[in-house]
Amino acid sequence: MTLLAIIYVLIFVIFALIAYAVMQIKLAGIEVKDFWSFIEANQILDKLYAFSKKYETLTPQQKVVYLMEAEKVFTAFDKIPNIVWEDEFKKYDEVLKKYKEIKVERWMSS
């Protein structure tokens, strides 16, 4: 009986923490869906940052993939206030520079 009561209390605490987190996100003026896409975009940003540092020359197919993934990151980051992701600004800036470089290169070749 006490084990069942402990399980119920733990489940209640978990739901209360989730509700509190959602409330904090909403109070910050962010939609939960946008915040979730920001979290996913943050993971993509880390990969793109490492990729941009590792490879100086890319194949045309890699450039297209890089551009598409970078656009997803930029869209997700635009929906979130800057103060939330200011720690990631250096990575964001490096990815943006590589993005612009590829765009200019593609524009000049066409």
Protein backbone atom coordinates (compact mmCIF):
# COMPACT_ATOMS: atom_id res chain seq x y z
CA MET A 1 0.00 0.00 0.00
CA THR A 2 2.79 2.45 0.86
CA LEU A 3 4.59 1.54 -2.37
CA LEU A 4 1.48 2.44 -4.34
CA ALA A 5 1.23 5.77 -2.50
CA ILE A 6 4.88 6.54 -3.26
CA ILE A 7 4.34 5.77 -6.95
CA TYR A 8 1.31 8.10 -7.06
CA VAL A 9 3.26 10.89 -5.37
CA LEU A 10 6.17 10.48 -7.81
CA ILE A 11 3.82 10.55 -10.80
CA PHE A 12 2.17 13.69 -9.41
CA VAL A 13 5.57 15.35 -8.90
CA ILE A 14 6.61 14.51 -12.48
CA PHE A 15 3.42 15.99 -13.91
CA ALA A 16 3.77 19.06 -11.68
CA LEU A 17 7.34 19.63 -12.93
CA ILE A 18 6.25 19.28 -16.55
CA ALA A 19 3.38 21.72 -16.00
CA TYR A 20 5.75 24.16 -14.32
CA ALA A 21 8.21 23.96 -17.22
CA VAL A 22 5.43 24.54 -19.75
CA MET A 23 4.16 27.48 -17.72
CA GLN A 24 7.65 29.04 -17.62
CA ILE A 25 8.03 28.63 -21.38
CA LYS A 26 4.62 30.24 -21.98
CA LEU A 27 5.43 33.10 -19.58
CA ALA A 28 8.58 33.80 -21.59
CA GLY A 29 6.33 34.34 -24.61
CA ILE A 30 7.45 31.21 -26.42
CA GLU A 31 5.24 28.51 -27.83
CA VAL A 32 6.10 25.02 -26.58
CA LYS A 33 6.31 23.77 -30.18
CA ASP A 34 8.76 26.55 -31.05
CA PHE A 35 10.84 25.78 -27.97
CA TRP A 36 10.99 22.10 -28.89
CA SER A 37 12.09 22.98 -32.45
CA PHE A 38 14.73 25.26 -30.88
CA ILE A 39 16.09 22.34 -28.86
CA GLU A 40 16.29 20.20 -32.00
CA ALA A 41 17.84 23.07 -33.95
CA ASN A 42 20.44 23.49 -31.23
CA GLN A 43 21.58 19.92 -31.82
CA ILE A 44 21.72 20.55 -35.58
CA LEU A 45 23.67 23.76 -34.93
CA ASP A 46 26.33 21.81 -33.04
CA LYS A 47 26.67 19.39 -35.95
CA LEU A 48 26.80 22.16 -38.56
CA TYR A 49 29.36 24.06 -36.52
CA ALA A 50 31.62 21.02 -36.31
CA PHE A 51 31.05 20.31 -39.99
CA SER A 52 31.91 23.87 -41.03
CA LYS A 53 35.14 23.73 -39.03
CA LYS A 54 36.12 20.32 -40.32
CA TYR A 55 35.55 20.72 -44.05
CA GLU A 56 36.80 23.68 -46.02
CA THR A 57 35.62 22.44 -49.42
CA LEU A 58 32.26 20.80 -49.89
CA THR A 59 30.74 18.93 -52.78
CA PRO A 60 27.69 20.54 -54.40
CA GLN A 61 25.44 17.98 -52.73
CA GLN A 62 26.96 18.68 -49.32
CA LYS A 63 26.45 22.40 -49.89
CA VAL A 64 22.76 21.92 -50.61
CA VAL A 65 22.32 19.79 -47.49
CA TYR A 66 24.25 22.33 -45.43
CA LEU A 67 22.06 25.18 -46.72
CA MET A 68 18.83 23.31 -45.97
CA GLU A 69 19.89 22.35 -42.46
CA ALA A 70 21.18 25.85 -41.73
CA GLU A 71 17.87 27.36 -42.83
CA LYS A 72 16.05 25.08 -40.39
CA VAL A 73 18.34 26.29 -37.60
CA PHE A 74 17.88 29.95 -38.51
CA THR A 75 14.09 29.57 -38.60
CA ALA A 76 13.99 27.90 -35.19
CA PHE A 77 16.37 30.42 -33.62
CA ASP A 78 14.37 33.37 -35.00
CA LYS A 79 11.32 32.27 -33.00
CA ILE A 80 13.20 32.29 -29.69
CA PRO A 81 14.33 35.45 -27.83
CA ASN A 82 18.05 36.16 -28.18
CA ILE A 83 18.66 36.03 -24.45
CA VAL A 84 17.81 32.31 -24.43
CA TRP A 85 20.48 31.38 -26.97
CA GLU A 86 23.15 34.02 -26.42
CA ASP A 87 25.56 31.28 -25.24
CA GLU A 88 25.31 29.68 -28.68
CA PHE A 89 25.91 32.92 -30.58
CA LYS A 90 29.48 32.04 -31.61
CA LYS A 91 28.38 28.77 -33.19
CA TYR A 92 25.39 30.47 -34.80
CA ASP A 93 27.64 33.17 -36.25
CA GLU A 94 30.13 30.65 -37.67
CA VAL A 95 27.34 28.63 -39.29
CA LEU A 96 25.86 31.85 -40.67
CA LYS A 97 29.22 32.87 -42.17
CA LYS A 98 29.61 29.49 -43.88
CA TYR A 99 26.00 29.72 -45.07
CA LYS A 100 26.60 33.14 -46.61
CA GLU A 101 29.86 31.94 -48.18
CA ILE A 102 28.10 29.01 -49.86
CA LYS A 103 25.21 31.23 -51.01
CA VAL A 104 27.58 33.76 -52.59
CA GLU A 105 29.61 31.00 -54.21
CA ARG A 106 26.48 29.42 -55.67
CA TRP A 107 25.18 32.80 -56.83
CA MET A 108 28.45 33.61 -58.61
CA SER A 109 28.59 30.22 -60.32
CA SER A 110 25.09 30.51 -61.75
